[in-house]
C-alpha atoms as a PDB file:
ATOM      1  CA  MET A   1     -27.939  49.350 -33.761  1.00  0.00           C
ATOM      2  CA  ALA A   2     -24.672  48.103 -33.579  1.00  0.00           C
ATOM      3  CA  ILE A   3     -23.665  45.992 -30.733  1.00  0.00           C
ATOM      4  CA  ARG A   4     -19.845  46.809 -30.024  1.00  0.00           C
ATOM      5  CA  ASP A   5     -19.402  44.535 -26.867  1.00  0.00           C
ATOM      6  CA  PHE A   6     -21.030  41.826 -24.640  1.00  0.00           C
ATOM      7  CA  HIS A   7     -22.543  44.796 -22.528  1.00  0.00           C
ATOM      8  CA  ASP A   8     -24.150  46.052 -25.299  1.00  0.00           C
ATOM      9  CA  LEU A   9     -25.942  42.441 -25.972  1.00  0.00           C
ATOM     10  CA  ILE A  10     -26.895  42.123 -22.623  1.00  0.00           C
ATOM     11  CA  ARG A  11     -28.458  45.430 -22.728  1.00  0.00           C
ATOM     12  CA  LEU A  12     -30.591  45.126 -26.258  1.00  0.00           C
ATOM     13  CA  LEU A  13     -31.959  42.154 -24.184  1.00  0.00           C
ATOM     14  CA  GLU A  14     -32.989  43.353 -21.906  1.00  0.00           C
ATOM     15  CA  GLU A  15     -34.524  46.153 -23.546  1.00  0.00           C
ATOM     16  CA  HIS A  16     -36.374  43.575 -25.817  1.00  0.00           C
ATOM     17  CA  PRO A  17     -37.631  40.780 -23.788  1.00  0.00           C
ATOM     18  CA  GLU A  18     -38.612  39.081 -26.641  1.00  0.00           C
ATOM     19  CA  TRP A  19     -35.485  38.572 -28.118  1.00  0.00           C
ATOM     20  CA  ARG A  20     -34.334  36.271 -25.067  1.00  0.00           C
ATOM     21  CA  ALA A  21     -37.278  33.311 -25.955  1.00  0.00           C
ATOM     22  CA  ASP A  22     -35.334  33.221 -29.537  1.00  0.00           C
ATOM     23  CA  LEU A  23     -31.879  33.026 -28.014  1.00  0.00           C
ATOM     24  CA  ARG A  24     -32.629  30.835 -25.404  1.00  0.00           C
ATOM     25  CA  ARG A  25     -34.307  28.337 -28.381  1.00  0.00           C
ATOM     26  CA  LEU A  26     -30.616  29.198 -30.220  1.00  0.00           C
ATOM     27  CA  LEU A  27     -27.954  28.023 -27.311  1.00  0.00           C
ATOM     28  CA  LEU A  28     -30.436  25.671 -25.451  1.00  0.00           C
ATOM     29  CA  THR A  29     -31.010  22.084 -25.851  1.00  0.00           C
ATOM     30  CA  GLU A  30     -34.512  21.009 -25.978  1.00  0.00           C
ATOM     31  CA  GLU A  31     -33.651  19.311 -22.927  1.00  0.00           C
ATOM     32  CA  LEU A  32     -32.871  22.455 -20.706  1.00  0.00           C
ATOM     33  CA  LEU A  33     -35.506  24.280 -22.223  1.00  0.00           C
ATOM     34  CA  ARG A  34     -38.083  21.832 -21.019  1.00  0.00           C
ATOM     35  CA  LEU A  35     -36.087  21.792 -17.584  1.00  0.00           C
ATOM     36  CA  PRO A  36     -38.538  24.446 -16.129  1.00  0.00           C
ATOM     37  CA  GLU A  37     -41.597  22.687 -17.053  1.00  0.00           C
ATOM     38  CA  ARG A  38     -40.363  19.651 -15.544  1.00  0.00           C
ATOM     39  CA  VAL A  39     -39.038  21.448 -12.194  1.00  0.00           C
ATOM     40  CA  ALA A  40     -42.971  22.847 -12.160  1.00  0.00           C
ATOM     41  CA  HIS A  41     -44.025  19.272 -12.512  1.00  0.00           C
ATOM     42  CA  LEU A  42     -42.011  18.375  -9.275  1.00  0.00           C
ATOM     43  CA  GLU A  43     -44.091  21.383  -7.549  1.00  0.00           C
ATOM     44  CA  GLU A  44     -47.348  20.124  -9.204  1.00  0.00           C
ATOM     45  CA  LEU A  45     -46.748  16.664  -7.808  1.00  0.00           C
ATOM     46  CA  LEU A  46     -45.733  18.281  -4.350  1.00  0.00           C
ATOM     47  CA  THR A  47     -48.661  20.552  -4.158  1.00  0.00           C
ATOM     48  CA  ARG A  48     -50.995  17.482  -4.585  1.00  0.00           C
ATOM     49  CA  LEU A  49     -48.615  15.653  -1.735  1.00  0.00           C
ATOM     50  CA  ALA A  50     -49.907  19.060   0.158  1.00  0.00           C
ATOM     51  CA  GLU A  51     -53.598  18.651  -0.617  1.00  0.00           C
ATOM     52  CA  GLN A  52     -53.293  14.651   0.684  1.00  0.00           C
ATOM     53  CA  VAL A  53     -51.680  15.693   3.965  1.00  0.00           C
ATOM     54  CA  GLN A  54     -54.390  18.305   4.373  1.00  0.00           C
ATOM     55  CA  ALA A  55     -57.361  15.554   3.855  1.00  0.00           C
ATOM     56  CA  LEU A  56     -55.813  13.449   6.034  1.00  0.00           C
ATOM     57  CA  ALA A  57     -55.827  16.089   8.699  1.00  0.00           C
ATOM     58  CA  GLU A  58     -59.292  17.037   7.863  1.00  0.00           C
ATOM     59  CA  ALA A  59     -60.154  12.900   8.284  1.00  0.00           C
ATOM     60  CA  GLN A  60     -60.018  13.171  11.765  1.00  0.00           C
ATOM     61  CA  ARG A  61     -62.989  13.060  13.665  1.00  0.00           C
ATOM     62  CA  ARG A  62     -64.798  14.200  16.681  1.00  0.00           C
ATOM     63  CA  THR A  63     -64.522  10.860  19.129  1.00  0.00           C
ATOM     64  CA  GLU A  64     -61.855   9.169  20.687  1.00  0.00           C
ATOM     65  CA  GLU A  65     -62.271   6.445  18.060  1.00  0.00           C
ATOM     66  CA  ARG A  66     -61.003   9.816  15.601  1.00  0.00           C
ATOM     67  CA  LEU A  67     -58.276  10.358  17.439  1.00  0.00           C
ATOM     68  CA  GLU A  68     -56.666   7.070  17.053  1.00  0.00           C
ATOM     69  CA  ALA A  69     -57.406   6.870  13.541  1.00  0.00           C
ATOM     70  CA  LEU A  70     -55.704  10.237  13.048  1.00  0.00           C
ATOM     71  CA  THR A  71     -52.565   8.646  15.030  1.00  0.00           C
ATOM     72  CA  ALA A  72     -52.704   6.029  12.467  1.00  0.00           C
ATOM     73  CA  ARG A  73     -53.264   8.570   9.643  1.00  0.00           C
ATOM     74  CA  VAL A  74     -49.786  10.730  11.248  1.00  0.00           C
ATOM     75  CA  ASP A  75     -48.005   7.047  11.197  1.00  0.00           C
ATOM     76  CA  ALA A  76     -48.863   7.517   7.559  1.00  0.00           C
ATOM     77  CA  LEU A  77     -47.927  10.590   7.099  1.00  0.00           C
ATOM     78  CA  ALA A  78     -44.658  10.345   8.694  1.00  0.00           C
ATOM     79  CA  ARG A  79     -44.298   7.293   5.977  1.00  0.00           C
ATOM     80  CA  ARG A  80     -45.558   9.965   3.100  1.00  0.00           C
ATOM     81  CA  VAL A  81     -42.504  12.366   4.451  1.00  0.00           C
ATOM     82  CA  ASP A  82     -40.360   9.680   4.073  1.00  0.00           C
ATOM     83  CA  GLU A  83     -41.678   8.705   0.587  1.00  0.00           C
ATOM     84  CA  LEU A  84     -41.527  12.706  -0.036  1.00  0.00           C
ATOM     85  CA  ALA A  85     -37.425  12.573   1.222  1.00  0.00           C
ATOM     86  CA  GLU A  86     -36.607   9.708  -1.228  1.00  0.00           C
ATOM     87  CA  ALA A  87     -38.373  11.561  -3.923  1.00  0.00           C
ATOM     88  CA  GLN A  88     -36.171  14.488  -3.342  1.00  0.00           C
ATOM     89  CA  LYS A  89     -33.039  12.612  -3.188  1.00  0.00           C
ATOM     90  CA  ARG A  90     -34.108  11.524  -6.325  1.00  0.00           C
ATOM     91  CA  THR A  91     -34.659  15.224  -7.588  1.00  0.00           C
ATOM     92  CA  GLU A  92     -31.446  15.811  -6.436  1.00  0.00           C
ATOM     93  CA  GLU A  93     -30.205  12.998  -9.077  1.00  0.00           C
ATOM     94  CA  ARG A  94     -31.903  14.039 -11.786  1.00  0.00           C
ATOM     95  CA  VAL A  95     -30.273  17.945 -11.071  1.00  0.00           C
ATOM     96  CA  GLU A  96     -27.041  16.322 -10.941  1.00  0.00           C
ATOM     97  CA  GLN A  97     -27.620  14.477 -14.044  1.00  0.00           C
ATOM     98  CA  LEU A  98     -28.747  17.463 -15.776  1.00  0.00           C
ATOM     99  CA  ALA A  99     -25.683  18.851 -14.703  1.00  0.00           C
ATOM    100  CA  ARG A 100     -23.814  16.429 -16.561  1.00  0.00           C
ATOM    101  CA  ARG A 101     -25.535  17.290 -19.329  1.00  0.00           C
ATOM    102  CA  VAL A 102     -25.067  21.081 -19.151  1.00  0.00           C
ATOM    103  CA  ASP A 103     -21.322  20.093 -18.671  1.00  0.00           C
ATOM    104  CA  GLU A 104     -21.304  17.759 -22.170  1.00  0.00           C
ATOM    105  CA  LEU A 105     -23.272  21.049 -23.641  1.00  0.00           C
ATOM    106  CA  ALA A 106     -20.537  23.373 -22.696  1.00  0.00           C
ATOM    107  CA  GLU A 107     -17.797  20.962 -24.003  1.00  0.00           C
ATOM    108  CA  ALA A 108     -19.849  21.119 -27.028  1.00  0.00           C
ATOM    109  CA  GLN A 109     -20.409  24.682 -27.540  1.00  0.00           C
ATOM    110  CA  LYS A 110     -17.039  26.118 -26.024  1.00  0.00           C
ATOM    111  CA  ARG A 111     -16.635  28.704 -28.668  1.00  0.00           C
ATOM    112  CA  THR A 112     -19.501  30.700 -27.735  1.00  0.00           C
ATOM    113  CA  GLU A 113     -18.941  32.380 -24.273  1.00  0.00           C
ATOM    114  CA  GLU A 114     -22.769  33.905 -24.258  1.00  0.00           C
ATOM    115  CA  ARG A 115     -23.883  30.515 -24.381  1.00  0.00           C
ATOM    116  CA  VAL A 116     -21.953  29.160 -21.316  1.00  0.00           C
ATOM    117  CA  GLU A 117     -23.520  32.116 -19.365  1.00  0.00           C
ATOM    118  CA  GLN A 118     -27.000  31.284 -20.140  1.00  0.00           C
ATOM    119  CA  LEU A 119     -26.407  28.030 -18.963  1.00  0.00           C
ATOM    120  CA  ALA A 120     -24.893  28.595 -15.832  1.00  0.00           C
ATOM    121  CA  GLU A 121     -28.185  30.898 -14.918  1.00  0.00           C
ATOM    122  CA  ALA A 122     -30.255  28.527 -15.782  1.00  0.00           C
ATOM    123  CA  GLN A 123     -28.222  25.930 -13.601  1.00  0.00           C
ATOM    124  CA  ARG A 124     -28.613  28.810 -10.866  1.00  0.00           C
ATOM    125  CA  ARG A 125     -32.710  28.973 -11.121  1.00  0.00           C
ATOM    126  CA  THR A 126     -32.366  25.123 -10.815  1.00  0.00           C
ATOM    127  CA  GLU A 127     -30.898  25.206  -7.378  1.00  0.00           C
ATOM    128  CA  GLU A 128     -32.902  27.864  -6.615  1.00  0.00           C
ATOM    129  CA  ARG A 129     -36.351  25.663  -7.045  1.00  0.00           C
ATOM    130  CA  VAL A 130     -34.967  22.934  -5.535  1.00  0.00           C
ATOM    131  CA  GLU A 131     -34.437  25.243  -2.326  1.00  0.00           C
ATOM    132  CA  VAL A 132     -38.496  25.929  -2.543  1.00  0.00           C
ATOM    133  CA  LEU A 133     -39.364  22.384  -2.505  1.00  0.00           C
ATOM    134  CA  ALA A 134     -36.781  22.077   0.588  1.00  0.00           C
ATOM    135  CA  ARG A 135     -39.451  24.874   1.906  1.00  0.00           C
ATOM    136  CA  ARG A 136     -42.453  23.242   0.975  1.00  0.00           C
ATOM    137  CA  VAL A 137     -41.370  19.924   3.166  1.00  0.00           C
ATOM    138  CA  ASP A 138     -41.253  22.347   6.050  1.00  0.00           C
ATOM    139  CA  GLU A 139     -44.754  23.834   5.269  1.00  0.00           C
ATOM    140  CA  LEU A 140     -45.975  20.402   5.369  1.00  0.00           C
ATOM    141  CA  ALA A 141     -44.636  19.431   8.695  1.00  0.00           C
ATOM    142  CA  GLU A 142     -46.519  23.047   9.654  1.00  0.00           C
ATOM    143  CA  ALA A 143     -49.650  21.796   8.017  1.00  0.00           C
ATOM    144  CA  GLN A 144     -49.517  19.004  10.301  1.00  0.00           C
ATOM    145  CA  ARG A 145     -49.445  20.891  13.559  1.00  0.00           C
ATOM    146  CA  ARG A 146     -52.494  22.813  12.501  1.00  0.00           C
ATOM    147  CA  THR A 147     -54.521  19.375  12.152  1.00  0.00           C
ATOM    148  CA  GLU A 148     -56.593  20.279  15.243  1.00  0.00           C
ATOM    149  CA  GLU A 149     -58.276  23.021  14.370  1.00  0.00           C
ATOM    150  CA  ARG A 150     -59.245  21.505  10.878  1.00  0.00           C
ATOM    151  CA  VAL A 151     -60.985  18.573  12.748  1.00  0.00           C
ATOM    152  CA  GLU A 152     -63.093  21.062  14.678  1.00  0.00           C
ATOM    153  CA  GLN A 153     -64.430  22.769  11.215  1.00  0.00           C
ATOM    154  CA  LEU A 154     -65.031  19.540   9.494  1.00  0.00           C
ATOM    155  CA  ALA A 155     -67.392  18.660  12.769  1.00  0.00           C
ATOM    156  CA  GLU A 156     -69.103  21.566  11.990  1.00  0.00           C
ATOM    157  CA  ALA A 157     -69.572  20.741   8.321  1.00  0.00           C
ATOM    158  CA  GLN A 158     -70.257  17.417   9.458  1.00  0.00           C
ATOM    159  CA  ARG A 159     -72.807  18.746  11.634  1.00  0.00           C
ATOM    160  CA  ARG A 160     -74.323  21.354   8.669  1.00  0.00           C
ATOM    161  CA  THR A 161     -74.436  18.453   6.050  1.00  0.00           C
ATOM    162  CA  GLU A 162     -76.571  16.405   8.388  1.00  0.00           C
ATOM    163  CA  GLU A 163     -78.931  18.660   8.729  1.00  0.00           C
ATOM    164  CA  GLN A 164     -79.096  19.564   5.144  1.00  0.00           C
ATOM    165  CA  VAL A 165     -79.248  15.624   4.473  1.00  0.00           C
ATOM    166  CA  ALA A 166     -82.375  15.833   6.632  1.00  0.00           C
ATOM    167  CA  ARG A 167     -84.131  18.246   4.910  1.00  0.00           C
ATOM    168  CA  LEU A 168     -83.641  16.231   1.261  1.00  0.00           C
ATOM    169  CA  THR A 169     -84.904  12.935   3.077  1.00  0.00           C
ATOM    170  CA  LEU A 170     -88.004  14.982   3.752  1.00  0.00           C
ATOM    171  CA  ARG A 171     -88.165  16.289   0.362  1.00  0.00           C
ATOM    172  CA  VAL A 172     -87.939  13.176  -1.136  1.00  0.00           C
ATOM    173  CA  ASP A 173     -90.525  11.424   0.796  1.00  0.00           C
ATOM    174  CA  GLN A 174     -92.830  14.146  -0.356  1.00  0.00           C
ATOM    175  CA  LEU A 175     -91.908  13.422  -3.624  1.00  0.00           C
ATOM    176  CA  SER A 176     -92.612  10.035  -3.500  1.00  0.00           C
ATOM    177  CA  LEU A 177     -95.837  10.456  -1.929  1.00  0.00           C
ATOM    178  CA  GLN A 178     -96.637  12.762  -5.312  1.00  0.00           C
ATOM    179  CA  VAL A 179     -95.140  10.343  -7.579  1.00  0.00           C
ATOM    180  CA  GLY A 180     -97.121   7.567  -6.157  1.00  0.00           C
ATOM    181  CA  HIS A 181    -100.370   9.358  -6.630  1.00  0.00           C
ATOM    182  CA  LEU A 182     -99.572  10.358 -10.186  1.00  0.00           C
ATOM    183  CA  SER A 183     -99.260   6.523 -10.705  1.00  0.00           C
ATOM    184  CA  ASN A 184    -102.782   5.721  -9.316  1.00  0.00           C
ATOM    185  CA  LEU A 185    -104.275   8.002 -11.018  1.00  0.00           C
ATOM    186  CA  LEU A 186    -102.259   7.199 -14.268  1.00  0.00           C
ATOM    187  CA  GLY A 187    -103.319   3.513 -14.011  1.00  0.00           C
ATOM    188  CA  GLY A 188    -107.017   4.260 -13.755  1.00  0.00           C
ATOM    189  CA  ALA A 189    -106.825   6.290 -16.829  1.00  0.00           C
ATOM    190  CA  VAL A 190    -104.866   3.353 -18.751  1.00  0.00           C
ATOM    191  CA  GLU A 191    -107.491   0.886 -17.969  1.00  0.00           C
ATOM    192  CA  ASP A 192    -110.349   3.069 -18.938  1.00  0.00           C
ATOM    193  CA  ASP A 193    -108.301   3.514 -22.447  1.00  0.00           C
ATOM    194  CA  ALA A 194    -107.917  -0.586 -22.843  1.00  0.00           C
ATOM    195  CA  ASP A 195    -111.821  -1.083 -22.091  1.00  0.00           C
ATOM    196  CA  ASP A 196    -112.483   1.485 -24.564  1.00  0.00           C
ATOM    197  CA  ILE A 197    -110.512   0.440 -27.170  1.00  0.00           C
ATOM    198  CA  LEU A 198    -111.336  -3.250 -26.561  1.00  0.00           C
ATOM    199  CA  ARG A 199    -114.897  -2.590 -27.192  1.00  0.00           C
ATOM    200  CA  PHE A 200    -113.360  -0.959 -30.613  1.00  0.00           C
ATOM    201  CA  VAL A 201    -112.010  -4.027 -31.317  1.00  0.00           C
ATOM    202  CA  LEU A 202    -114.724  -6.150 -30.574  1.00  0.00           C
ATOM    203  CA  ARG A 203    -117.179  -4.018 -32.839  1.00  0.00           C
ATOM    204  CA  GLN A 204    -114.894  -4.433 -35.752  1.00  0.00           C
ATOM    205  CA  LYS A 205    -114.470  -7.784 -35.429  1.00  0.00           C
ATOM    206  CA  GLY A 206    -117.641  -8.767 -35.643  1.00  0.00           C
ATOM    207  CA  PHE A 207    -118.047  -9.581 -31.942  1.00  0.00           C
ATOM    208  CA  ARG A 208    -121.124  -8.995 -29.599  1.00  0.00           C
ATOM    209  CA  LEU A 209    -120.458  -7.992 -26.084  1.00  0.00           C
ATOM    210  CA  LEU A 210    -122.545 -10.545 -23.639  1.00  0.00           C
ATOM    211  CA  GLN A 211    -121.240  -8.916 -20.333  1.00  0.00           C
ATOM    212  CA  GLU A 212    -119.863  -5.652 -19.604  1.00  0.00           C
ATOM    213  CA  PRO A 213    -115.887  -5.555 -19.545  1.00  0.00           C
ATOM    214  CA  ARG A 214    -115.210  -4.897 -15.699  1.00  0.00           C
ATOM    215  CA  THR A 215    -112.085  -4.960 -13.209  1.00  0.00           C
ATOM    216  CA  VAL A 216    -111.368  -7.958 -11.086  1.00  0.00           C
ATOM    217  CA  ASP A 217    -108.722  -8.667  -8.654  1.00  0.00           C
ATOM    218  CA  LEU A 218    -107.798 -12.792  -9.253  1.00  0.00           C
ATOM    219  CA  ASP A 219    -104.363 -12.895  -7.433  1.00  0.00           C
ATOM    220  CA  GLY A 220    -102.984  -9.722  -9.135  1.00  0.00           C
ATOM    221  CA  GLU A 221    -105.403  -7.146 -10.911  1.00  0.00           C
ATOM    222  CA  VAL A 222    -106.715  -8.437 -14.341  1.00  0.00           C
ATOM    223  CA  ASP A 223    -107.154  -5.043 -15.908  1.00  0.00           C
ATOM    224  CA  VAL A 224    -110.157  -5.829 -17.917  1.00  0.00           C
ATOM    225  CA  LEU A 225    -112.427  -8.937 -18.359  1.00  0.00           C
ATOM    226  CA  ALA A 226    -115.161  -9.574 -20.391  1.00  0.00           C
ATOM    227  CA  GLN A 227    -117.494 -12.259 -22.430  1.00  0.00           C
ATOM    228  CA  ALA A 228    -118.272 -11.766 -25.660  1.00  0.00           C
ATOM    229  CA  GLU A 229    -119.780 -13.921 -28.716  1.00  0.00           C
ATOM    230  CA  ASP A 230    -118.022 -14.534 -31.714  1.00  0.00           C
ATOM    231  CA  PRO A 231    -119.304 -13.664 -35.363  1.00  0.00           C
ATOM    232  CA  ALA A 232    -120.365 -17.602 -35.486  1.00  0.00           C
ATOM    233  CA  GLY A 233    -122.316 -17.137 -31.976  1.00  0.00           C
ATOM    234  CA  ARG A 234    -119.692 -18.711 -29.756  1.00  0.00           C
ATOM    235  CA  PRO A 235    -119.075 -17.213 -26.733  1.00  0.00           C
ATOM    236  CA  VAL A 236    -115.570 -16.322 -25.509  1.00  0.00           C
ATOM    237  CA  TRP A 237    -113.930 -14.578 -22.646  1.00  0.00           C
ATOM    238  CA  VAL A 238    -111.607 -11.913 -23.008  1.00  0.00           C
ATOM    239  CA  VAL A 239    -108.656 -10.595 -20.632  1.00  0.00           C
ATOM    240  CA  VAL A 240    -106.459  -7.442 -21.074  1.00  0.00           C
ATOM    241  CA  GLU A 241    -103.325  -6.653 -19.214  1.00  0.00           C
ATOM    242  CA  ALA A 242    -103.233  -2.546 -19.660  1.00  0.00           C
ATOM    243  CA  LYS A 243     -99.883  -1.114 -18.962  1.00  0.00           C
ATOM    244  CA  VAL A 244     -98.298   2.567 -19.689  1.00  0.00           C
ATOM    245  CA  ARG A 245     -95.114   1.079 -21.894  1.00  0.00           C
ATOM    246  CA  LEU A 246     -95.909  -2.167 -23.018  1.00  0.00           C
ATOM    247  CA  ARG A 247     -92.250  -4.107 -23.262  1.00  0.00           C
ATOM    248  CA  ARG A 248     -91.032  -7.511 -23.513  1.00  0.00           C
ATOM    249  CA  ARG A 249     -90.648  -8.128 -19.721  1.00  0.00           C
ATOM    250  CA  GLU A 250     -94.231  -6.853 -19.766  1.00  0.00           C
ATOM    251  CA  VAL A 251     -95.655  -9.574 -21.904  1.00  0.00           C
ATOM    252  CA  LEU A 252     -93.660 -12.429 -20.712  1.00  0.00           C
ATOM    253  CA  ALA A 253     -95.000 -11.702 -16.813  1.00  0.00           C
ATOM    254  CA  TRP A 254     -98.633 -11.792 -18.502  1.00  0.00           C
ATOM    255  CA  VAL A 255     -97.559 -15.149 -20.249  1.00  0.00           C
ATOM    256  CA  ARG A 256     -96.587 -16.755 -16.985  1.00  0.00           C
ATOM    257  CA  ARG A 257     -99.464 -15.539 -15.120  1.00  0.00           C
ATOM    258  CA  LEU A 258    -101.723 -17.023 -17.986  1.00  0.00           C
ATOM    259  CA  GLY A 259    -100.011 -20.383 -17.163  1.00  0.00           C
ATOM    260  CA  GLU A 260    -100.222 -20.249 -13.606  1.00  0.00           C
ATOM    261  CA  ALA A 261    -102.728 -22.728 -12.321  1.00  0.00           C
ATOM    262  CA  SER A 262    -103.423 -20.623  -9.438  1.00  0.00           C
ATOM    263  CA  PHE A 263    -104.613 -17.528 -12.030  1.00  0.00           C
ATOM    264  CA  ARG A 264    -106.840 -20.363 -14.030  1.00  0.00           C
ATOM    265  CA  GLU A 265    -108.697 -21.407 -11.122  1.00  0.00           C
ATOM    266  CA  ALA A 266    -109.229 -17.713 -10.229  1.00  0.00           C
ATOM    267  CA  LEU A 267    -110.774 -17.056 -13.808  1.00  0.00           C
ATOM    268  CA  GLN A 268    -112.833 -20.060 -13.419  1.00  0.00           C
ATOM    269  CA  GLU A 269    -114.281 -18.686  -9.998  1.00  0.00           C
ATOM    270  CA  GLU A 270    -115.290 -15.549 -12.202  1.00  0.00           C
ATOM    271  CA  GLY A 271    -117.298 -17.810 -14.220  1.00  0.00           C
ATOM    272  CA  VAL A 272    -114.723 -18.269 -17.319  1.00  0.00           C
ATOM    273  CA  ARG A 273    -115.175 -21.417 -19.568  1.00  0.00           C
ATOM    274  CA  GLY A 274    -114.681 -22.049 -22.994  1.00  0.00           C
ATOM    275  CA  PRO A 275    -111.643 -20.558 -25.243  1.00  0.00           C
ATOM    276  CA  VAL A 276    -110.262 -17.294 -23.813  1.00  0.00           C
ATOM    277  CA  LEU A 277    -108.193 -14.467 -25.802  1.00  0.00           C
ATOM    278  CA  ALA A 278    -105.553 -12.950 -24.390  1.00  0.00           C
ATOM    279  CA  TYR A 279    -104.901  -9.299 -24.849  1.00  0.00           C
ATOM    280  CA  ALA A 280    -101.850  -6.937 -23.881  1.00  0.00           C
ATOM    281  CA  TYR A 281    -102.540  -3.569 -23.770  1.00  0.00           C
ATOM    282  CA  GLY A 282    -100.124  -0.505 -24.055  1.00  0.00           C
ATOM    283  CA  ILE A 283    -100.613   3.244 -24.625  1.00  0.00           C
ATOM    284  CA  ARG A 284     -96.919   2.840 -26.062  1.00  0.00           C
ATOM    285  CA  VAL A 285     -95.836  -0.675 -27.549  1.00  0.00           C
ATOM    286  CA  TYR A 286     -92.418  -1.489 -28.091  1.00  0.00           C
ATOM    287  CA  ARG A 287     -90.952  -3.747 -30.994  1.00  0.00           C
ATOM    288  CA  ASP A 288     -89.588  -6.359 -28.699  1.00  0.00           C
ATOM    289  CA  ALA A 289     -93.230  -6.745 -26.586  1.00  0.00           C
ATOM    290  CA  GLU A 290     -94.869  -7.818 -30.347  1.00  0.00           C
ATOM    291  CA  GLU A 291     -92.061 -10.135 -31.019  1.00  0.00           C
ATOM    292  CA  VAL A 292     -92.862 -11.893 -28.064  1.00  0.00           C
ATOM    293  CA  ALA A 293     -96.738 -11.526 -27.979  1.00  0.00           C
ATOM    294  CA  GLN A 294     -96.619 -13.152 -31.569  1.00  0.00           C
ATOM    295  CA  ALA A 295     -94.326 -15.939 -30.291  1.00  0.00           C
ATOM    296  CA  GLU A 296     -96.554 -16.523 -27.441  1.00  0.00           C
ATOM    297  CA  GLY A 297    -100.019 -16.128 -28.962  1.00  0.00           C
ATOM    298  CA  VAL A 298    -100.871 -13.185 -26.983  1.00  0.00           C
ATOM    299  CA  GLY A 299    -102.981 -10.228 -28.650  1.00  0.00           C
ATOM    300  CA  LEU A 300    -101.590  -7.130 -28.586  1.00  0.00           C
ATOM    301  CA  LEU A 301    -104.044  -3.365 -28.344  1.00  0.00           C
ATOM    302  CA  ASP A 302    -102.567   0.214 -28.693  1.00  0.00           C
ATOM    303  CA  GLY A 303    -104.554   3.347 -28.912  1.00  0.00           C
ATOM    304  CA  ARG A 304    -105.434   2.785 -32.552  1.00  0.00           C
ATOM    305  CA  GLY A 305    -107.003  -1.374 -32.362  1.00  0.00           C
ATOM    306  CA  GLU A 306    -105.702  -4.151 -32.327  1.00  0.00           C
ATOM    307  CA  ARG A 307    -102.053  -4.813 -33.198  1.00  0.00           C
ATOM    308  CA  LEU A 308    -101.815  -8.487 -33.370  1.00  0.00           C
ATOM    309  CA  ALA A 309    -104.545 -11.053 -32.792  1.00  0.00           C
ATOM    310  CA  PRO A 310    -104.476 -13.484 -30.114  1.00  0.00           C
ATOM    311  CA  ARG A 311    -104.770 -17.203 -30.581  1.00  0.00           C
ATOM    312  CA  GLU A 312    -107.300 -18.772 -28.192  1.00  0.00           C
ATOM    313  CA  ARG A 313    -106.906 -20.048 -24.907  1.00  0.00           C
ATOM    314  CA  TRP A 314    -108.278 -23.097 -23.475  1.00  0.00           C
ATOM    315  CA  LEU A 315    -108.260 -23.284 -19.175  1.00  0.00           C
ATOM    316  CA  GLU A 316    -108.620 -27.009 -18.780  1.00  0.00           C
END
């Protein structure tokens, strides 16, 4: 494949497009090779600017107050156009800098006429892209003139959104009712489990029930209250707070209630005298709950029985 003159070289490059990239890498500097990419980045920035202008158009509303807001946004758009003009000026300065770099490269590579031609072609494409950017500015102005139509579309979309929100609100209310119902059912099941576990633990420890465990309302519900006799024949009272999940904060809240004067008085009104054993029951007991319970002298119960024995408390 002989190359007799420059035209043969051009013909071969047209027949083999894949050779062009290799030729460009040989002829052009990294800076010039990245020139289209930078110009493309500039186009992307201007595209984002167009999107912001369209978002400004969509922000106009159905009322006079919205129209006043639109006027303010139009002023803001004018400022953005000024900024765009300034950015365009900087782009032109950058193009001039690139032109100077091209001249420097031509001076450094003046022995190769083919390379000079390639640099001239790259410069021409750059100027064409600058013209494209100028047309994009004109398109932004045209987009502003379509603002009223966009406002109407936005109003219709807002109406549909309000209808959807209303339907979702109704659905959330229905789900809230269902969740509340399930919580009530689960709460009763936890109290039954606590009752069964307490009976099992008391028998295991050699206690005898003097009164059947019951649920009482003492300025906040006590899930289980029972009177028993310890192995030495001494009567004691047992109070249990039952939760599905027993964590540190639930144990601390239970300890605070046990220390409140109003709660102690309410227990006394139920006939509670003498020592009290306070338990907290949980279907799932977390480690931090056990640490707090041990420090505060509160017993812990779970599905397998007594996890931590309580210290006796006195109401006086």
